Amino acid sequence: MITNRRTNIINDRTEKYINLTNKRTIKYKNNYHGLRNNLKVMTTNYIDSNMKEIICALAVILLGILISIIFTNHIDDIQKNDTTCYIQEFIHLLKNDKGINKKAVCFEELKTNTIYIIALWLAGLTIIGIPISYFILCFKGFSLGYTISAIALALGKGKGALLIFFSIFFKNIIMIPALIAITISGVKIYKNIIMKKNQGNIKLEIIRHTITCIFVLIIFIIDALWNGYISTTIIEKTVKFL
């Protein structure tokens, strides 16, 4: 009798634990799906309400890439050889186990990204800052296009594509949308100053602009750590196959 009673107690406790676990699992799944749906709705609304600005920003970046391609195609043979030698020497060092200074890469990434954010934040607070914001995006596009062209020139399209994917794609898939978001935030301030002339809206947009920049800065800190320690390790492994 005592044994049966203990068995029943254990079974009851086990059943309660299983039911509680199932309820928690269902709750977590519902929270996850709810969060995912909210993010999807927020993203869709943001894109719909800023479609013109997004298209304009992407066009400016593409313009920068186009200019870089034209520039690369028109540089003389000496500059092409210098670029090719630099990249090939870099890869040769990695193949011979001369590792990348990950701490230096992380610091450089963070410094560059911080400069971008501060420049776009200040540009967004002034009327004449909008052309500066678009110039920064164009410069980013130029830098991106030139890097891709230089790698393709040094390694060819096949091997170059592999290095481009691991060294550039992951880095810019986060950075470019973030820079576009800051630029759009600055454009909203500009529209409130010039078109609506609503002081209340201007103050609100400035606060939003600042919060956006802080949020992007946090993302860029994570991105710098990723590029400094994870991405560089992937690149070191990748060049072994080039």
C-alpha atoms as a PDB file:
ATOM      1  CA  MET A   1       0.000   0.000   0.000  1.00  0.00           C
ATOM      2  CA  ILE A   2       2.779   2.401   0.947  1.00  0.00           C
ATOM      3  CA  THR A   3       4.628   1.596  -2.283  1.00  0.00           C
ATOM      4  CA  ASN A   4       1.499   2.174  -4.382  1.00  0.00           C
ATOM      5  CA  ARG A   5       0.820   5.466  -2.601  1.00  0.00           C
ATOM      6  CA  ARG A   6       4.380   6.665  -3.255  1.00  0.00           C
ATOM      7  CA  THR A   7       4.074   5.620  -6.906  1.00  0.00           C
ATOM      8  CA  ASN A   8       0.811   7.557  -7.266  1.00  0.00           C
ATOM      9  CA  ILE A   9       2.375  10.643  -5.683  1.00  0.00           C
ATOM     10  CA  ILE A  10       5.360  10.425  -8.041  1.00  0.00           C
ATOM     11  CA  ASN A  11       3.056   9.948 -11.035  1.00  0.00           C
ATOM     12  CA  ASP A  12       0.920  12.920 -10.001  1.00  0.00           C
ATOM     13  CA  ARG A  13       3.973  15.139  -9.596  1.00  0.00           C
ATOM     14  CA  THR A  14       5.379  13.978 -12.935  1.00  0.00           C
ATOM     15  CA  GLU A  15       2.076  14.683 -14.663  1.00  0.00           C
ATOM     16  CA  LYS A  16       1.874  18.153 -13.092  1.00  0.00           C
ATOM     17  CA  TYR A  17       5.458  18.882 -14.144  1.00  0.00           C
ATOM     18  CA  ILE A  18       4.736  17.753 -17.722  1.00  0.00           C
ATOM     19  CA  ASN A  19       1.566  19.872 -17.870  1.00  0.00           C
ATOM     20  CA  LEU A  20       3.420  22.902 -16.499  1.00  0.00           C
ATOM     21  CA  THR A  21       6.250  22.404 -19.017  1.00  0.00           C
ATOM     22  CA  ASN A  22       3.752  22.131 -21.883  1.00  0.00           C
ATOM     23  CA  LYS A  23       1.981  25.305 -20.768  1.00  0.00           C
ATOM     24  CA  ARG A  24       5.295  27.178 -20.587  1.00  0.00           C
ATOM     25  CA  THR A  25       6.296  25.871 -24.019  1.00  0.00           C
ATOM     26  CA  ILE A  26       2.995  27.003 -25.521  1.00  0.00           C
ATOM     27  CA  LYS A  27       3.374  30.390 -23.807  1.00  0.00           C
ATOM     28  CA  TYR A  28       6.919  30.850 -25.151  1.00  0.00           C
ATOM     29  CA  LYS A  29       5.809  29.829 -28.645  1.00  0.00           C
ATOM     30  CA  ASN A  30       2.914  32.305 -28.540  1.00  0.00           C
ATOM     31  CA  ASN A  31       5.229  35.069 -27.309  1.00  0.00           C
ATOM     32  CA  TYR A  32       7.733  34.250 -30.049  1.00  0.00           C
ATOM     33  CA  HIS A  33       5.094  34.248 -32.784  1.00  0.00           C
ATOM     34  CA  GLY A  34       3.605  37.451 -31.379  1.00  0.00           C
ATOM     35  CA  LEU A  35       6.989  39.177 -31.336  1.00  0.00           C
ATOM     36  CA  ARG A  36       7.769  37.975 -34.847  1.00  0.00           C
ATOM     37  CA  ASN A  37       4.409  39.216 -36.132  1.00  0.00           C
ATOM     38  CA  ASN A  38       4.887  42.588 -34.412  1.00  0.00           C
ATOM     39  CA  LEU A  39       8.352  42.980 -35.927  1.00  0.00           C
ATOM     40  CA  LYS A  40       6.970  42.032 -39.331  1.00  0.00           C
ATOM     41  CA  VAL A  41       4.179  44.596 -39.040  1.00  0.00           C
ATOM     42  CA  MET A  42       6.553  47.313 -37.798  1.00  0.00           C
ATOM     43  CA  THR A  43       9.016  46.614 -40.634  1.00  0.00           C
ATOM     44  CA  THR A  44       6.254  46.625 -43.250  1.00  0.00           C
ATOM     45  CA  ASN A  45       4.792  49.882 -41.924  1.00  0.00           C
ATOM     46  CA  TYR A  46       8.240  51.505 -41.802  1.00  0.00           C
ATOM     47  CA  ILE A  47       8.996  50.520 -45.403  1.00  0.00           C
ATOM     48  CA  ASP A  48       5.567  51.637 -46.636  1.00  0.00           C
ATOM     49  CA  SER A  49       5.765  55.027 -44.914  1.00  0.00           C
ATOM     50  CA  ASN A  50       9.349  55.697 -46.063  1.00  0.00           C
ATOM     51  CA  MET A  51       9.347  54.042 -49.475  1.00  0.00           C
ATOM     52  CA  LYS A  52      10.440  57.161 -51.402  1.00  0.00           C
ATOM     53  CA  GLU A  53      13.298  57.902 -48.996  1.00  0.00           C
ATOM     54  CA  ILE A  54      14.471  54.256 -49.048  1.00  0.00           C
ATOM     55  CA  ILE A  55      14.483  54.168 -52.848  1.00  0.00           C
ATOM     56  CA  CYS A  56      16.346  57.478 -52.958  1.00  0.00           C
ATOM     57  CA  ALA A  57      18.966  56.260 -50.440  1.00  0.00           C
ATOM     58  CA  LEU A  58      19.459  52.973 -52.305  1.00  0.00           C
ATOM     59  CA  ALA A  59      19.802  54.893 -55.592  1.00  0.00           C
ATOM     60  CA  VAL A  60      22.541  57.050 -54.040  1.00  0.00           C
ATOM     61  CA  ILE A  61      24.422  53.972 -52.796  1.00  0.00           C
ATOM     62  CA  LEU A  62      24.115  52.335 -56.218  1.00  0.00           C
ATOM     63  CA  LEU A  63      25.395  55.552 -57.775  1.00  0.00           C
ATOM     64  CA  GLY A  64      28.451  55.346 -55.522  1.00  0.00           C
ATOM     65  CA  ILE A  65      29.022  51.720 -56.568  1.00  0.00           C
ATOM     66  CA  LEU A  66      28.670  52.670 -60.249  1.00  0.00           C
ATOM     67  CA  ILE A  67      31.190  55.512 -59.872  1.00  0.00           C
ATOM     68  CA  SER A  68      33.650  53.131 -58.171  1.00  0.00           C
ATOM     69  CA  ILE A  69      33.335  50.609 -61.026  1.00  0.00           C
ATOM     70  CA  ILE A  70      33.952  53.342 -63.608  1.00  0.00           C
ATOM     71  CA  PHE A  71      36.880  54.622 -61.538  1.00  0.00           C
ATOM     72  CA  THR A  72      38.412  51.129 -61.241  1.00  0.00           C
ATOM     73  CA  ASN A  73      38.078  50.504 -64.972  1.00  0.00           C
ATOM     74  CA  HIS A  74      39.881  53.760 -65.798  1.00  0.00           C
ATOM     75  CA  ILE A  75      42.842  53.582 -63.394  1.00  0.00           C
ATOM     76  CA  ASP A  76      46.225  53.034 -65.032  1.00  0.00           C
ATOM     77  CA  ASP A  77      48.159  49.776 -65.021  1.00  0.00           C
ATOM     78  CA  ILE A  78      50.509  50.888 -62.251  1.00  0.00           C
ATOM     79  CA  GLN A  79      47.605  51.490 -59.827  1.00  0.00           C
ATOM     80  CA  LYS A  80      45.991  48.189 -60.852  1.00  0.00           C
ATOM     81  CA  ASN A  81      49.246  46.341 -60.187  1.00  0.00           C
ATOM     82  CA  ASP A  82      49.652  48.064 -56.807  1.00  0.00           C
ATOM     83  CA  THR A  83      46.114  47.089 -55.795  1.00  0.00           C
ATOM     84  CA  THR A  84      46.550  43.504 -57.002  1.00  0.00           C
ATOM     85  CA  CYS A  85      49.916  43.110 -55.252  1.00  0.00           C
ATOM     86  CA  TYR A  86      48.525  44.470 -51.983  1.00  0.00           C
ATOM     87  CA  ILE A  87      45.619  42.005 -51.909  1.00  0.00           C
ATOM     88  CA  GLN A  88      47.717  39.046 -53.028  1.00  0.00           C
ATOM     89  CA  GLU A  89      50.378  39.833 -50.445  1.00  0.00           C
ATOM     90  CA  PHE A  90      47.695  40.026 -47.762  1.00  0.00           C
ATOM     91  CA  ILE A  91      46.356  36.606 -48.770  1.00  0.00           C
ATOM     92  CA  HIS A  92      49.907  35.178 -48.955  1.00  0.00           C
ATOM     93  CA  LEU A  93      50.551  36.260 -45.364  1.00  0.00           C
ATOM     94  CA  LEU A  94      47.336  34.628 -44.185  1.00  0.00           C
ATOM     95  CA  LYS A  95      48.185  31.396 -45.999  1.00  0.00           C
ATOM     96  CA  ASN A  96      51.511  31.357 -44.180  1.00  0.00           C
ATOM     97  CA  ASP A  97      49.746  31.600 -40.813  1.00  0.00           C
ATOM     98  CA  LYS A  98      50.338  35.315 -40.335  1.00  0.00           C
ATOM     99  CA  GLY A  99      47.040  35.891 -38.571  1.00  0.00           C
ATOM    100  CA  ILE A 100      44.917  39.023 -38.625  1.00  0.00           C
ATOM    101  CA  ASN A 101      45.194  41.361 -35.657  1.00  0.00           C
ATOM    102  CA  LYS A 102      41.596  40.873 -34.520  1.00  0.00           C
ATOM    103  CA  LYS A 103      41.715  43.498 -31.794  1.00  0.00           C
ATOM    104  CA  ALA A 104      42.980  46.129 -34.254  1.00  0.00           C
ATOM    105  CA  VAL A 105      40.290  45.209 -36.802  1.00  0.00           C
ATOM    106  CA  CYS A 106      37.584  45.444 -34.132  1.00  0.00           C
ATOM    107  CA  PHE A 107      38.838  48.857 -32.989  1.00  0.00           C
ATOM    108  CA  GLU A 108      39.105  50.167 -36.560  1.00  0.00           C
ATOM    109  CA  GLU A 109      35.598  48.944 -37.397  1.00  0.00           C
ATOM    110  CA  LEU A 110      34.177  50.596 -34.297  1.00  0.00           C
ATOM    111  CA  LYS A 111      36.017  53.855 -34.986  1.00  0.00           C
ATOM    112  CA  THR A 112      34.860  54.003 -38.628  1.00  0.00           C
ATOM    113  CA  ASN A 113      31.253  53.141 -37.758  1.00  0.00           C
ATOM    114  CA  THR A 114      31.180  55.717 -34.951  1.00  0.00           C
ATOM    115  CA  ILE A 115      32.420  58.411 -37.346  1.00  0.00           C
ATOM    116  CA  TYR A 116      29.637  57.490 -39.783  1.00  0.00           C
ATOM    117  CA  ILE A 117      26.989  57.700 -37.051  1.00  0.00           C
ATOM    118  CA  ILE A 118      28.212  61.013 -35.603  1.00  0.00           C
ATOM    119  CA  ALA A 119      28.439  62.567 -39.087  1.00  0.00           C
ATOM    120  CA  LEU A 120      24.909  61.417 -40.002  1.00  0.00           C
ATOM    121  CA  TRP A 121      23.517  62.486 -36.616  1.00  0.00           C
ATOM    122  CA  LEU A 122      24.936  66.011 -36.967  1.00  0.00           C
ATOM    123  CA  ALA A 123      23.919  66.196 -40.628  1.00  0.00           C
ATOM    124  CA  GLY A 124      20.364  65.249 -39.726  1.00  0.00           C
ATOM    125  CA  LEU A 125      20.092  68.142 -37.271  1.00  0.00           C
ATOM    126  CA  THR A 126      20.767  70.862 -39.861  1.00  0.00           C
ATOM    127  CA  ILE A 127      18.946  72.035 -42.963  1.00  0.00           C
ATOM    128  CA  ILE A 128      22.064  71.774 -45.133  1.00  0.00           C
ATOM    129  CA  GLY A 129      22.874  68.360 -43.681  1.00  0.00           C
ATOM    130  CA  ILE A 130      20.693  66.307 -46.038  1.00  0.00           C
ATOM    131  CA  PRO A 131      23.107  66.622 -49.006  1.00  0.00           C
ATOM    132  CA  ILE A 132      25.917  65.665 -46.610  1.00  0.00           C
ATOM    133  CA  SER A 133      23.962  62.579 -45.509  1.00  0.00           C
ATOM    134  CA  TYR A 134      23.472  61.484 -49.105  1.00  0.00           C
ATOM    135  CA  PHE A 135      27.131  62.191 -49.850  1.00  0.00           C
ATOM    136  CA  ILE A 136      28.085  59.864 -46.977  1.00  0.00           C
ATOM    137  CA  LEU A 137      25.842  57.149 -48.439  1.00  0.00           C
ATOM    138  CA  CYS A 138      27.383  57.712 -51.870  1.00  0.00           C
ATOM    139  CA  PHE A 139      30.867  57.455 -50.370  1.00  0.00           C
ATOM    140  CA  LYS A 140      29.856  54.225 -48.630  1.00  0.00           C
ATOM    141  CA  GLY A 141      28.643  52.870 -51.961  1.00  0.00           C
ATOM    142  CA  PHE A 142      31.912  53.942 -53.610  1.00  0.00           C
ATOM    143  CA  SER A 143      33.995  52.232 -50.904  1.00  0.00           C
ATOM    144  CA  LEU A 144      31.919  49.064 -51.218  1.00  0.00           C
ATOM    145  CA  GLY A 145      32.127  49.010 -55.013  1.00  0.00           C
ATOM    146  CA  TYR A 146      35.841  49.751 -55.074  1.00  0.00           C
ATOM    147  CA  THR A 147      36.604  46.969 -52.576  1.00  0.00           C
ATOM    148  CA  ILE A 148      34.596  44.445 -54.587  1.00  0.00           C
ATOM    149  CA  SER A 149      36.220  45.556 -57.851  1.00  0.00           C
ATOM    150  CA  ALA A 150      39.726  45.415 -56.327  1.00  0.00           C
ATOM    151  CA  ILE A 151      39.220  41.872 -54.965  1.00  0.00           C
ATOM    152  CA  ALA A 152      37.747  40.682 -58.274  1.00  0.00           C
ATOM    153  CA  LEU A 153      40.678  42.294 -60.118  1.00  0.00           C
ATOM    154  CA  ALA A 154      43.265  40.603 -57.907  1.00  0.00           C
ATOM    155  CA  LEU A 155      41.714  37.140 -57.562  1.00  0.00           C
ATOM    156  CA  GLY A 156      39.338  36.820 -60.496  1.00  0.00           C
ATOM    157  CA  LYS A 157      35.587  36.478 -60.318  1.00  0.00           C
ATOM    158  CA  GLY A 158      35.534  32.898 -59.003  1.00  0.00           C
ATOM    159  CA  LYS A 159      37.950  33.088 -56.077  1.00  0.00           C
ATOM    160  CA  GLY A 160      37.110  36.739 -55.538  1.00  0.00           C
ATOM    161  CA  ALA A 161      33.423  35.930 -55.056  1.00  0.00           C
ATOM    162  CA  LEU A 162      34.270  33.619 -52.162  1.00  0.00           C
ATOM    163  CA  LEU A 163      36.318  36.245 -50.333  1.00  0.00           C
ATOM    164  CA  ILE A 164      33.781  38.997 -51.128  1.00  0.00           C
ATOM    165  CA  PHE A 165      30.966  36.927 -49.650  1.00  0.00           C
ATOM    166  CA  PHE A 166      32.692  36.313 -46.321  1.00  0.00           C
ATOM    167  CA  SER A 167      34.542  39.624 -45.951  1.00  0.00           C
ATOM    168  CA  ILE A 168      31.992  42.121 -47.311  1.00  0.00           C
ATOM    169  CA  PHE A 169      28.507  40.626 -47.505  1.00  0.00           C
ATOM    170  CA  PHE A 170      27.956  39.942 -43.780  1.00  0.00           C
ATOM    171  CA  LYS A 171      29.469  43.276 -42.806  1.00  0.00           C
ATOM    172  CA  ASN A 172      27.311  45.405 -45.082  1.00  0.00           C
ATOM    173  CA  ILE A 173      24.056  43.490 -44.790  1.00  0.00           C
ATOM    174  CA  ILE A 174      23.674  45.184 -41.392  1.00  0.00           C
ATOM    175  CA  MET A 175      25.587  48.411 -41.938  1.00  0.00           C
ATOM    176  CA  ILE A 176      23.851  49.685 -45.080  1.00  0.00           C
ATOM    177  CA  PRO A 177      20.237  49.370 -43.793  1.00  0.00           C
ATOM    178  CA  ALA A 178      21.352  51.017 -40.521  1.00  0.00           C
ATOM    179  CA  LEU A 179      22.942  53.967 -42.345  1.00  0.00           C
ATOM    180  CA  ILE A 180      19.818  54.321 -44.506  1.00  0.00           C
ATOM    181  CA  ALA A 181      17.649  54.373 -41.347  1.00  0.00           C
ATOM    182  CA  ILE A 182      19.709  57.237 -39.874  1.00  0.00           C
ATOM    183  CA  THR A 183      19.555  59.166 -43.160  1.00  0.00           C
ATOM    184  CA  ILE A 184      15.763  58.776 -43.329  1.00  0.00           C
ATOM    185  CA  SER A 185      15.524  59.963 -39.726  1.00  0.00           C
ATOM    186  CA  GLY A 186      17.435  63.113 -40.710  1.00  0.00           C
ATOM    187  CA  VAL A 187      15.199  63.638 -43.741  1.00  0.00           C
ATOM    188  CA  LYS A 188      12.136  63.610 -41.469  1.00  0.00           C
ATOM    189  CA  ILE A 189      13.628  66.436 -39.388  1.00  0.00           C
ATOM    190  CA  TYR A 190      14.318  68.368 -42.579  1.00  0.00           C
ATOM    191  CA  LYS A 191      10.725  67.930 -43.763  1.00  0.00           C
ATOM    192  CA  ASN A 192       9.354  69.147 -40.433  1.00  0.00           C
ATOM    193  CA  ILE A 193      11.575  72.247 -40.541  1.00  0.00           C
ATOM    194  CA  ILE A 194      10.955  73.197 -44.172  1.00  0.00           C
ATOM    195  CA  MET A 195       7.469  71.914 -44.943  1.00  0.00           C
ATOM    196  CA  LYS A 196       5.451  71.584 -41.737  1.00  0.00           C
ATOM    197  CA  LYS A 197       7.283  74.141 -39.565  1.00  0.00           C
ATOM    198  CA  ASN A 198       5.865  72.443 -36.485  1.00  0.00           C
ATOM    199  CA  GLN A 199       8.136  73.011 -33.480  1.00  0.00           C
ATOM    200  CA  GLY A 200       6.562  70.160 -31.542  1.00  0.00           C
ATOM    201  CA  ASN A 201       7.141  67.709 -34.374  1.00  0.00           C
ATOM    202  CA  ILE A 202      10.697  68.983 -34.829  1.00  0.00           C
ATOM    203  CA  LYS A 203      11.571  68.314 -31.182  1.00  0.00           C
ATOM    204  CA  LEU A 204       9.977  64.866 -31.379  1.00  0.00           C
ATOM    205  CA  GLU A 205      11.846  64.001 -34.577  1.00  0.00           C
ATOM    206  CA  ILE A 206      15.159  65.176 -33.047  1.00  0.00           C
ATOM    207  CA  ILE A 207      14.583  62.854 -30.080  1.00  0.00           C
ATOM    208  CA  ARG A 208      13.705  60.015 -32.445  1.00  0.00           C
ATOM    209  CA  HIS A 209      16.743  60.789 -34.575  1.00  0.00           C
ATOM    210  CA  THR A 210      19.015  60.668 -31.523  1.00  0.00           C
ATOM    211  CA  ILE A 211      17.458  57.419 -30.261  1.00  0.00           C
ATOM    212  CA  THR A 212      17.850  55.888 -33.739  1.00  0.00           C
ATOM    213  CA  CYS A 213      21.538  56.836 -33.787  1.00  0.00           C
ATOM    214  CA  ILE A 214      22.107  55.368 -30.311  1.00  0.00           C
ATOM    215  CA  PHE A 215      20.315  52.158 -31.296  1.00  0.00           C
ATOM    216  CA  VAL A 216      22.378  51.891 -34.495  1.00  0.00           C
ATOM    217  CA  LEU A 217      25.559  52.554 -32.504  1.00  0.00           C
ATOM    218  CA  ILE A 218      24.752  49.569 -30.270  1.00  0.00           C
ATOM    219  CA  ILE A 219      24.209  47.448 -33.389  1.00  0.00           C
ATOM    220  CA  PHE A 220      27.526  48.670 -34.815  1.00  0.00           C
ATOM    221  CA  ILE A 221      29.354  47.763 -31.599  1.00  0.00           C
ATOM    222  CA  ILE A 222      28.048  44.210 -31.946  1.00  0.00           C
ATOM    223  CA  ASP A 223      28.889  44.320 -35.656  1.00  0.00           C
ATOM    224  CA  ALA A 224      32.461  45.472 -34.887  1.00  0.00           C
ATOM    225  CA  LEU A 225      32.923  42.576 -32.446  1.00  0.00           C
ATOM    226  CA  TRP A 226      31.552  40.164 -35.057  1.00  0.00           C
ATOM    227  CA  ASN A 227      33.815  41.492 -37.823  1.00  0.00           C
ATOM    228  CA  GLY A 228      36.821  41.736 -35.517  1.00  0.00           C
ATOM    229  CA  TYR A 229      36.705  38.240 -34.048  1.00  0.00           C
ATOM    230  CA  ILE A 230      34.279  36.042 -36.005  1.00  0.00           C
ATOM    231  CA  SER A 231      34.458  37.335 -39.569  1.00  0.00           C
ATOM    232  CA  THR A 232      38.260  37.587 -39.532  1.00  0.00           C
ATOM    233  CA  THR A 233      38.495  33.969 -38.365  1.00  0.00           C
ATOM    234  CA  ILE A 234      36.242  32.913 -41.257  1.00  0.00           C
ATOM    235  CA  ILE A 235      38.410  34.909 -43.678  1.00  0.00           C
ATOM    236  CA  GLU A 236      41.565  33.239 -42.330  1.00  0.00           C
ATOM    237  CA  LYS A 237      39.985  29.841 -42.992  1.00  0.00           C
ATOM    238  CA  THR A 238      38.620  30.876 -46.387  1.00  0.00           C
ATOM    239  CA  VAL A 239      41.911  32.110 -47.876  1.00  0.00           C
ATOM    240  CA  LYS A 240      43.376  28.621 -47.416  1.00  0.00           C
ATOM    241  CA  PHE A 241      41.198  27.544 -50.366  1.00  0.00           C
ATOM    242  CA  LEU A 242      42.138  30.456 -52.649  1.00  0.00           C
END
